[in-house]
Amino acid sequence: MAFSSLVRLTLSIALISSFVLDVICFTPLPRFAQTSAFIGNKIYYMGGVVPLPEPIISDFFYLDTSVLSSTDSTTLPWTELTGIDNLFTSSGTAVAGGANKDLFILFGGNMTPAENSSLVIVYNTNNNTWSKPVISAPQGEPARKRKTQAVVDSAGKMYIFGGSTSPEPDISLVNDMFILDTINWSWSTGTQDGAPDARSDFSATILSNGFIVYIGGSNINNRYVPMSQINMYDTNSAAWVDKEATGEIPSPRGGHSAVLTSDERIIIYGGAVSISADGKYTASSPDLAILDTTNNNFVWSQPKASGTAPPQIAYHSASLVGDYMIVSFGNITNKGSSPDVYALDTKDKGYKWITSINTNTLPGTNSGKSSNVGLIAGLSVGGIVVLILLGGGLFWFYRNKKNYKLLNNTFI
């Protein structure tokens, strides 16, 4: 009897240890077309397209950038979170919304049939809960969109332009503008007067003056938008404005990323074009290009970044964390999904791919250190608890075994 109890105790301890190791050792699968948003000092990721047998995945996790000291895959500070059961998603778009920009707000994308009625799904990063808000729509709500890119302004309004309303993007592109108030939960529409042609796979970046800059992407029949053609939506006057960019014009592309620096440079990275009947893609060139938007002059440049560049990728994620552009996952052109994270140092316009990051220069470093210390402390306490349980179990087993012998001697 004592032996069987010890076995049960040992199994319980093993299960606890396995859980702790799973938390520590979580590593996300390679993927592309995932949804991501930078909130606080964490980059949150959801879903994406992964290698078979499961083409679309349902996991949800974050990368803690406050303790991101290296891009070495074995040391990346990943944390797995709880997603919505059976919610498989890819090619959606997400922003940091709400009054305090602490909500992960997912719109559209390819989802499992059971969730097709939920256009908007929200994760609260403060209390770690999911919800499906009730949203008023006096002007109607949008169709489900894929391969679009949303932005959010300082008032918590999420602007969603274009995209595809079908899994077959070539035949279902739109050029409408829907606006989601992520504080009061209501839909409204923007004007289509002067709107650019319907498109998907573009990038969207909101400038400090409230202009949303749309770059690249493809129209019907894979006609790619020239990178000199800059279409902007003025959120102040609800009007479309066209701009012709000059300088070193990069080649057309779709599936690229765009981040905005503090001095109003838009950094474009990656992307590809589909120009062959067999569906293969060609990587766009160059992979790195900069659009300087200062003084209302839109000028392209093509700096040569030093360091070891990532492989040519598309449908990845990119976030600007301090002076570092963090690029994650993506589809390596015609070679499959990437599991990696890359970092580009953009400080003083001296672009350099790096593998080590000075965490003291990252925003939120102090809180990040506290979080990391808390994690270490938690794991330490957990380890101590496991040791106490193990020691207590062994002591209990030894004591009962001794009492069992005494009891046997009494009845001999």
Protein backbone atom coordinates (compact mmCIF):
# COMPACT_ATOMS: atom_id res chain seq x y z
CA MET A 1 0.00 0.00 0.00
CA ALA A 2 2.82 2.42 0.92
CA PHE A 3 4.62 1.50 -2.30
CA SER A 4 1.57 2.26 -4.48
CA SER A 5 1.15 5.60 -2.71
CA LEU A 6 4.76 6.43 -3.46
CA VAL A 7 4.20 5.55 -7.12
CA ARG A 8 1.22 7.90 -7.27
CA LEU A 9 3.21 10.67 -5.62
CA THR A 10 6.11 10.18 -8.03
CA LEU A 11 3.78 10.32 -11.02
CA SER A 12 2.21 13.53 -9.72
CA ILE A 13 5.62 15.13 -9.30
CA ALA A 14 6.60 14.00 -12.79
CA LEU A 15 3.47 15.61 -14.25
CA ILE A 16 4.20 18.89 -12.43
CA SER A 17 7.80 18.83 -13.66
CA SER A 18 6.64 18.10 -17.21
CA PHE A 19 4.30 21.10 -17.08
CA VAL A 20 7.06 23.39 -15.83
CA LEU A 21 9.41 22.17 -18.56
CA ASP A 22 6.71 22.70 -21.21
CA VAL A 23 6.32 26.32 -20.11
CA ILE A 24 10.08 26.91 -20.11
CA CYS A 25 10.81 25.09 -23.36
CA PHE A 26 7.98 26.38 -25.56
CA THR A 27 9.17 26.98 -29.10
CA PRO A 28 6.67 27.99 -31.79
CA LEU A 29 6.51 26.12 -35.07
CA PRO A 30 7.78 27.68 -38.33
CA ARG A 31 4.98 29.64 -39.99
CA PHE A 32 3.92 32.49 -42.24
CA ALA A 33 0.79 34.65 -42.67
CA GLN A 34 0.40 34.82 -38.89
CA THR A 35 -1.31 37.74 -37.16
CA SER A 36 0.71 39.88 -34.75
CA ALA A 37 0.54 43.08 -32.69
CA PHE A 38 3.08 44.90 -30.50
CA ILE A 39 1.52 45.68 -27.10
CA GLY A 40 3.53 47.12 -24.21
CA ASN A 41 6.87 45.37 -24.54
CA LYS A 42 5.53 42.15 -26.00
CA ILE A 43 4.87 41.03 -29.56
CA TYR A 44 1.75 38.84 -29.59
CA TYR A 45 1.32 36.26 -32.36
CA MET A 46 -1.64 34.17 -33.41
CA GLY A 47 -2.03 31.34 -35.89
CA GLY A 48 -0.51 31.29 -39.35
CA VAL A 49 0.22 28.72 -42.02
CA VAL A 50 2.50 25.91 -40.89
CA PRO A 51 3.94 22.77 -42.52
CA LEU A 52 1.54 19.90 -43.08
CA PRO A 53 -0.33 17.94 -41.74
CA GLU A 54 -1.97 20.99 -40.06
CA PRO A 55 -1.89 23.79 -42.65
CA ILE A 56 -3.41 26.40 -40.32
CA ILE A 57 -2.53 26.58 -36.64
CA SER A 58 -4.42 27.85 -33.60
CA ASP A 59 -1.71 28.72 -31.06
CA PHE A 60 -1.28 32.09 -29.33
CA PHE A 61 1.93 33.32 -27.72
CA TYR A 62 4.21 36.32 -27.23
CA LEU A 63 7.85 37.35 -27.46
CA ASP A 64 9.00 39.46 -24.49
CA THR A 65 11.17 42.12 -26.12
CA SER A 66 12.23 43.66 -22.80
CA VAL A 67 14.52 40.67 -22.20
CA LEU A 68 15.36 39.95 -25.82
CA SER A 69 19.17 39.88 -25.72
CA SER A 70 19.82 37.57 -28.67
CA THR A 71 18.15 36.21 -31.79
CA ASP A 72 19.54 32.75 -31.03
CA SER A 73 16.53 30.46 -31.36
CA THR A 74 17.53 28.53 -28.24
CA THR A 75 17.34 31.61 -26.00
CA LEU A 76 14.31 33.49 -27.32
CA PRO A 77 11.92 34.51 -24.48
CA TRP A 78 8.73 32.92 -25.82
CA THR A 79 5.64 32.45 -23.65
CA GLU A 80 2.69 30.33 -24.73
CA LEU A 81 -0.78 31.62 -23.89
CA THR A 82 -4.22 30.08 -24.02
CA GLY A 83 -6.02 30.66 -27.30
CA ILE A 84 -9.64 30.05 -28.19
CA ASP A 85 -10.38 26.35 -28.59
CA ASN A 86 -10.41 25.22 -32.22
CA LEU A 87 -9.83 28.75 -33.56
CA PHE A 88 -7.49 28.25 -36.49
CA THR A 89 -6.57 31.48 -38.20
CA SER A 90 -4.27 32.93 -40.85
CA SER A 91 -4.05 36.02 -43.08
CA GLY A 92 -5.97 38.19 -40.62
CA THR A 93 -4.90 41.53 -39.20
CA ALA A 94 -4.52 42.77 -35.63
CA VAL A 95 -3.78 46.00 -33.76
CA ALA A 96 -3.19 47.18 -30.21
CA GLY A 97 -6.57 48.76 -29.45
CA GLY A 98 -8.74 49.94 -26.61
CA ALA A 99 -8.44 53.08 -24.49
CA ASN A 100 -5.03 52.02 -23.19
CA LYS A 101 -3.83 50.16 -26.30
CA ASP A 102 -3.71 46.95 -24.24
CA LEU A 103 -6.16 44.86 -26.28
CA PHE A 104 -5.09 42.42 -28.99
CA ILE A 105 -7.84 43.00 -31.56
CA LEU A 106 -8.02 40.41 -34.33
CA PHE A 107 -10.08 41.10 -37.43
CA GLY A 108 -10.98 38.75 -40.27
CA GLY A 109 -8.64 36.24 -41.81
CA ASN A 110 -9.16 32.59 -42.64
CA MET A 111 -10.79 30.92 -39.64
CA THR A 112 -12.39 27.63 -38.78
CA PRO A 113 -16.07 27.41 -39.85
CA ALA A 114 -17.31 27.61 -36.27
CA GLU A 115 -15.81 31.09 -35.91
CA ASN A 116 -16.76 32.52 -39.30
CA SER A 117 -19.50 34.64 -37.71
CA SER A 118 -16.97 36.39 -35.44
CA LEU A 119 -15.33 39.18 -37.41
CA VAL A 120 -13.65 40.63 -34.32
CA ILE A 121 -12.09 38.69 -31.47
CA VAL A 122 -10.35 40.43 -28.56
CA TYR A 123 -7.70 39.36 -26.07
CA ASN A 124 -7.24 41.47 -22.94
CA THR A 125 -3.54 41.44 -22.05
CA ASN A 126 -4.26 42.59 -18.50
CA ASN A 127 -6.57 39.82 -17.34
CA ASN A 128 -5.70 37.25 -20.04
CA THR A 129 -9.25 36.74 -21.25
CA TRP A 130 -10.84 36.42 -24.71
CA SER A 131 -14.08 38.07 -25.76
CA LYS A 132 -16.25 38.67 -28.82
CA PRO A 133 -17.56 42.21 -28.43
CA VAL A 134 -21.03 43.25 -29.51
CA ILE A 135 -20.42 45.97 -32.11
CA SER A 136 -23.03 48.41 -33.37
CA ALA A 137 -23.08 48.92 -37.14
CA PRO A 138 -25.55 51.63 -38.23
CA GLN A 139 -23.89 51.75 -41.67
CA GLY A 140 -23.41 48.00 -41.89
CA GLU A 141 -20.44 45.83 -41.03
CA PRO A 142 -17.68 44.72 -43.38
CA ALA A 143 -17.40 41.35 -45.04
CA ARG A 144 -14.72 39.04 -43.73
CA LYS A 145 -11.43 40.22 -45.20
CA ARG A 146 -8.13 38.51 -45.74
CA LYS A 147 -4.69 39.77 -46.75
CA THR A 148 -5.35 43.30 -45.55
CA GLN A 149 -3.36 45.42 -43.12
CA ALA A 150 -5.06 47.50 -40.45
CA VAL A 151 -3.70 50.43 -38.45
CA VAL A 152 -4.97 52.13 -35.30
CA ASP A 153 -4.85 55.84 -34.49
CA SER A 154 -4.33 57.60 -31.16
CA ALA A 155 -8.09 57.65 -30.54
CA GLY A 156 -8.35 53.86 -30.76
CA LYS A 157 -9.92 53.76 -34.22
CA MET A 158 -8.90 50.79 -36.36
CA TYR A 159 -8.80 51.49 -40.12
CA ILE A 160 -9.30 48.49 -42.40
CA PHE A 161 -8.92 49.07 -46.15
CA GLY A 162 -9.11 46.69 -49.08
CA GLY A 163 -8.16 43.05 -48.92
CA SER A 164 -9.94 39.99 -50.22
CA THR A 165 -13.39 38.82 -49.20
CA SER A 166 -12.73 35.25 -50.33
CA PRO A 167 -10.01 32.63 -49.86
CA GLU A 168 -9.45 33.17 -53.61
CA PRO A 169 -7.92 36.68 -53.52
CA ASP A 170 -7.64 37.21 -57.28
CA ILE A 171 -11.40 37.35 -57.80
CA SER A 172 -12.69 39.06 -54.67
CA LEU A 173 -10.61 42.17 -54.01
CA VAL A 174 -12.29 45.26 -52.55
CA ASN A 175 -11.33 48.89 -52.01
CA ASP A 176 -13.71 49.90 -49.23
CA MET A 177 -12.67 51.46 -45.91
CA PHE A 178 -14.22 50.33 -42.63
CA ILE A 179 -13.40 51.94 -39.31
CA LEU A 180 -13.78 50.14 -35.99
CA ASP A 181 -13.94 52.22 -32.81
CA THR A 182 -12.16 49.87 -30.39
CA ILE A 183 -13.22 51.89 -27.35
CA ASN A 184 -16.96 52.36 -27.99
CA TRP A 185 -17.29 49.28 -30.23
CA SER A 186 -18.98 50.68 -33.31
CA TRP A 187 -18.45 50.35 -37.08
CA SER A 188 -18.38 53.26 -39.51
CA THR A 189 -17.25 53.67 -43.10
CA GLY A 190 -14.72 55.89 -44.79
CA THR A 191 -15.17 57.48 -48.16
CA GLN A 192 -14.50 55.63 -51.38
CA ASP A 193 -14.25 58.86 -53.38
CA GLY A 194 -10.75 58.90 -54.80
CA ALA A 195 -9.91 55.51 -53.28
CA PRO A 196 -7.21 53.48 -55.04
CA ASP A 197 -8.01 50.30 -56.95
CA ALA A 198 -8.94 47.19 -55.00
CA ARG A 199 -5.86 45.36 -53.74
CA SER A 200 -4.41 42.98 -51.18
CA ASP A 201 -1.03 42.12 -49.63
CA PHE A 202 -0.07 45.79 -49.21
CA SER A 203 1.47 47.49 -46.19
CA ALA A 204 -0.25 50.21 -44.15
CA THR A 205 1.52 52.72 -41.88
CA ILE A 206 -0.05 55.63 -40.01
CA LEU A 207 2.09 58.77 -39.73
CA SER A 208 2.06 61.14 -36.77
CA ASN A 209 -0.07 63.60 -38.79
CA GLY A 210 -2.86 61.04 -39.16
CA PHE A 211 -2.18 60.07 -42.77
CA ILE A 212 -2.26 56.33 -43.49
CA VAL A 213 0.32 55.37 -46.13
CA TYR A 214 -0.52 52.36 -48.33
CA ILE A 215 2.39 50.83 -50.22
CA GLY A 216 2.57 48.01 -52.75
CA GLY A 217 0.33 44.98 -52.96
CA SER A 218 -1.40 43.41 -55.92
CA ASN A 219 -4.54 44.13 -57.92
CA ILE A 220 -6.69 41.68 -59.86
CA ASN A 221 -4.74 39.14 -61.92
CA ASN A 222 -1.58 39.74 -59.88
CA ARG A 223 -0.90 43.18 -61.28
CA TYR A 224 1.44 44.62 -58.69
CA VAL A 225 1.19 48.26 -57.63
CA PRO A 226 4.32 50.31 -58.48
CA MET A 227 6.24 51.34 -55.37
CA SER A 228 6.32 54.92 -56.66
CA GLN A 229 2.53 55.03 -56.31
CA ILE A 230 1.73 56.11 -52.76
CA ASN A 231 -1.93 56.19 -51.75
CA MET A 232 -2.84 57.89 -48.48
CA TYR A 233 -5.99 58.22 -46.40
CA ASP A 234 -6.26 61.37 -44.31
CA THR A 235 -7.99 60.36 -41.08
CA ASN A 236 -8.50 64.02 -40.17
CA SER A 237 -10.55 64.97 -43.23
CA ALA A 238 -11.64 61.47 -44.34
CA ALA A 239 -10.19 62.01 -47.80
CA TRP A 240 -7.90 60.08 -50.12
CA VAL A 241 -4.66 61.68 -51.31
CA ASP A 242 -2.25 60.39 -53.96
CA LYS A 243 1.48 60.97 -53.92
CA GLU A 244 4.24 60.13 -56.38
CA ALA A 245 7.42 58.99 -54.64
CA THR A 246 10.85 59.74 -56.05
CA GLY A 247 14.37 58.47 -55.45
CA GLU A 248 15.58 54.88 -55.75
CA ILE A 249 12.30 53.12 -56.45
CA PRO A 250 12.29 49.49 -55.24
CA SER A 251 10.68 46.73 -57.26
CA PRO A 252 6.95 45.93 -56.75
CA ARG A 253 5.97 43.47 -54.04
CA GLY A 254 3.28 42.00 -51.86
CA GLY A 255 3.46 40.33 -48.44
CA HIS A 256 6.11 42.80 -47.25
CA SER A 257 6.26 44.53 -43.87
CA ALA A 258 6.48 48.19 -42.91
CA VAL A 259 7.46 49.91 -39.65
CA LEU A 260 7.64 53.61 -38.80
CA THR A 261 10.62 55.21 -37.06
CA SER A 262 10.40 58.20 -34.72
CA ASP A 263 11.67 60.50 -37.49
CA GLU A 264 8.95 59.37 -39.93
CA ARG A 265 10.93 56.91 -42.02
CA ILE A 266 8.93 53.93 -43.27
CA ILE A 267 11.16 50.86 -43.38
CA ILE A 268 9.95 48.30 -45.92
CA TYR A 269 11.25 44.75 -45.70
CA GLY A 270 10.80 41.57 -47.72
CA GLY A 271 7.95 40.70 -50.02
CA ALA A 272 7.63 38.80 -53.26
CA VAL A 273 5.72 38.70 -56.54
CA SER A 274 3.93 35.83 -58.23
CA ILE A 275 4.67 35.95 -61.94
CA SER A 276 4.61 32.32 -63.02
CA ALA A 277 1.76 29.99 -63.94
CA ASP A 278 2.98 27.31 -61.52
CA GLY A 279 2.39 29.59 -58.53
CA LYS A 280 6.03 30.11 -57.64
CA TYR A 281 7.13 33.44 -56.26
CA THR A 282 10.09 35.68 -57.02
CA ALA A 283 11.64 37.64 -54.17
CA SER A 284 11.42 41.41 -54.57
CA SER A 285 14.57 43.49 -54.77
CA PRO A 286 16.02 44.95 -52.74
CA ASP A 287 14.67 43.31 -49.61
CA LEU A 288 15.26 46.51 -47.59
CA ALA A 289 14.04 49.96 -48.70
CA ILE A 290 13.35 53.22 -46.87
CA LEU A 291 10.65 55.79 -47.66
CA ASP A 292 11.47 59.18 -46.11
CA THR A 293 8.18 61.02 -45.56
CA THR A 294 9.54 64.14 -43.83
CA ASN A 295 8.52 67.59 -45.10
CA ASN A 296 5.85 65.88 -47.21
CA ASN A 297 8.59 64.71 -49.59
CA PHE A 298 8.34 61.00 -50.23
CA VAL A 299 11.77 59.80 -51.27
CA TRP A 300 12.89 56.19 -51.59
CA SER A 301 16.39 54.98 -50.75
CA GLN A 302 17.97 51.54 -50.80
CA PRO A 303 20.58 51.33 -48.05
CA LYS A 304 22.95 48.37 -47.90
CA ALA A 305 22.57 46.86 -44.46
CA SER A 306 25.68 45.35 -42.94
CA GLY A 307 25.75 42.05 -41.07
CA THR A 308 24.25 38.75 -42.08
CA ALA A 309 20.87 39.34 -43.70
CA PRO A 310 17.95 36.93 -43.24
CA PRO A 311 16.80 34.77 -46.13
CA GLN A 312 14.39 36.42 -48.56
CA ILE A 313 10.98 36.20 -46.90
CA ALA A 314 7.39 37.37 -47.27
CA TYR A 315 4.23 37.21 -45.16
CA HIS A 316 6.27 37.72 -42.00
CA SER A 317 5.82 40.01 -38.98
CA ALA A 318 7.84 43.14 -38.20
CA SER A 319 7.72 45.48 -35.20
CA LEU A 320 9.93 48.42 -34.28
CA VAL A 321 11.15 48.05 -30.69
CA GLY A 322 13.24 51.08 -29.79
CA ASP A 323 15.79 51.30 -32.60
CA TYR A 324 15.46 47.62 -33.51
CA MET A 325 13.20 46.23 -36.21
CA ILE A 326 12.24 42.74 -35.04
CA VAL A 327 11.36 40.47 -37.97
CA SER A 328 9.80 37.10 -37.21
CA PHE A 329 8.74 33.98 -39.11
CA GLY A 330 7.68 34.33 -42.77
CA ASN A 331 7.73 32.34 -45.96
CA ILE A 332 11.24 31.86 -47.32
CA THR A 333 10.70 32.36 -51.04
CA ASN A 334 9.82 28.97 -52.57
CA LYS A 335 11.50 27.14 -49.67
CA GLY A 336 8.91 26.99 -46.89
CA SER A 337 8.26 28.52 -43.49
CA SER A 338 10.83 30.17 -41.26
CA PRO A 339 11.02 29.56 -37.49
CA ASP A 340 13.45 32.41 -36.86
CA VAL A 341 13.60 35.92 -35.45
CA TYR A 342 15.90 38.59 -36.89
CA ALA A 343 16.90 42.05 -35.68
CA LEU A 344 17.86 45.12 -37.71
CA ASP A 345 19.55 47.98 -35.85
CA THR A 346 18.20 51.19 -37.42
CA LYS A 347 19.90 53.69 -35.09
CA ASP A 348 21.24 56.83 -36.79
CA LYS A 349 20.26 55.33 -40.16
CA GLY A 350 23.15 52.89 -39.88
CA TYR A 351 21.28 49.75 -40.81
CA LYS A 352 22.86 46.59 -39.49
CA TRP A 353 21.59 43.04 -39.02
CA ILE A 354 22.59 41.91 -35.55
CA THR A 355 22.34 38.81 -33.39
CA SER A 356 22.96 40.44 -29.97
CA ILE A 357 20.77 43.20 -28.53
CA ASN A 358 21.59 45.64 -25.75
CA THR A 359 18.50 45.25 -23.55
CA ASN A 360 19.31 48.49 -21.71
CA THR A 361 18.32 50.40 -24.85
CA LEU A 362 14.94 48.71 -25.22
CA PRO A 363 11.73 50.42 -24.06
CA GLY A 364 10.19 48.90 -20.96
CA THR A 365 13.49 47.33 -19.88
CA ASN A 366 12.90 47.95 -16.18
CA SER A 367 9.48 46.34 -16.21
CA GLY A 368 10.90 43.60 -18.40
CA LYS A 369 13.60 42.87 -15.85
CA SER A 370 11.00 42.74 -13.13
CA SER A 371 8.95 40.35 -15.21
CA ASN A 372 11.99 38.20 -15.85
CA VAL A 373 12.94 38.22 -12.17
CA GLY A 374 9.39 37.25 -11.35
CA LEU A 375 9.56 34.38 -13.80
CA ILE A 376 12.87 33.17 -12.36
CA ALA A 377 11.53 33.56 -8.83
CA GLY A 378 8.38 31.69 -9.76
CA LEU A 379 10.33 28.86 -11.31
CA SER A 380 12.64 28.77 -8.28
CA VAL A 381 9.69 28.57 -5.90
CA GLY A 382 8.17 25.91 -8.11
CA GLY A 383 11.39 23.94 -7.97
CA ILE A 384 11.53 24.25 -4.18
CA VAL A 385 7.91 23.09 -3.92
CA VAL A 386 8.70 20.06 -6.06
CA LEU A 387 11.73 19.23 -3.89
CA ILE A 388 9.66 19.64 -0.71
CA LEU A 389 6.96 17.37 -2.11
CA LEU A 390 9.54 14.81 -3.11
CA GLY A 391 11.33 14.99 0.23
CA GLY A 392 8.06 14.88 2.13
CA GLY A 393 6.91 11.93 0.09
CA LEU A 394 10.09 10.00 0.75
CA PHE A 395 9.91 10.83 4.46
CA TRP A 396 6.25 9.73 4.56
CA PHE A 397 7.12 6.54 2.73
CA TYR A 398 10.04 5.79 5.10
CA ARG A 399 7.97 6.49 8.22
CA ASN A 400 5.07 4.33 7.05
CA LYS A 401 7.45 1.57 6.07
CA LYS A 402 9.01 1.68 9.57
CA ASN A 403 5.60 1.70 11.26
CA TYR A 404 4.54 -1.18 9.04
CA LYS A 405 7.53 -3.23 10.28
CA LEU A 406 6.75 -2.40 13.91
CA LEU A 407 3.14 -3.36 13.38
CA ASN A 408 4.17 -6.68 11.87
CA ASN A 409 6.53 -7.37 14.83
CA THR A 410 3.71 -6.69 17.28
CA PHE A 411 1.54 -9.45 15.81
CA ILE A 412 4.28 -12.07 15.40
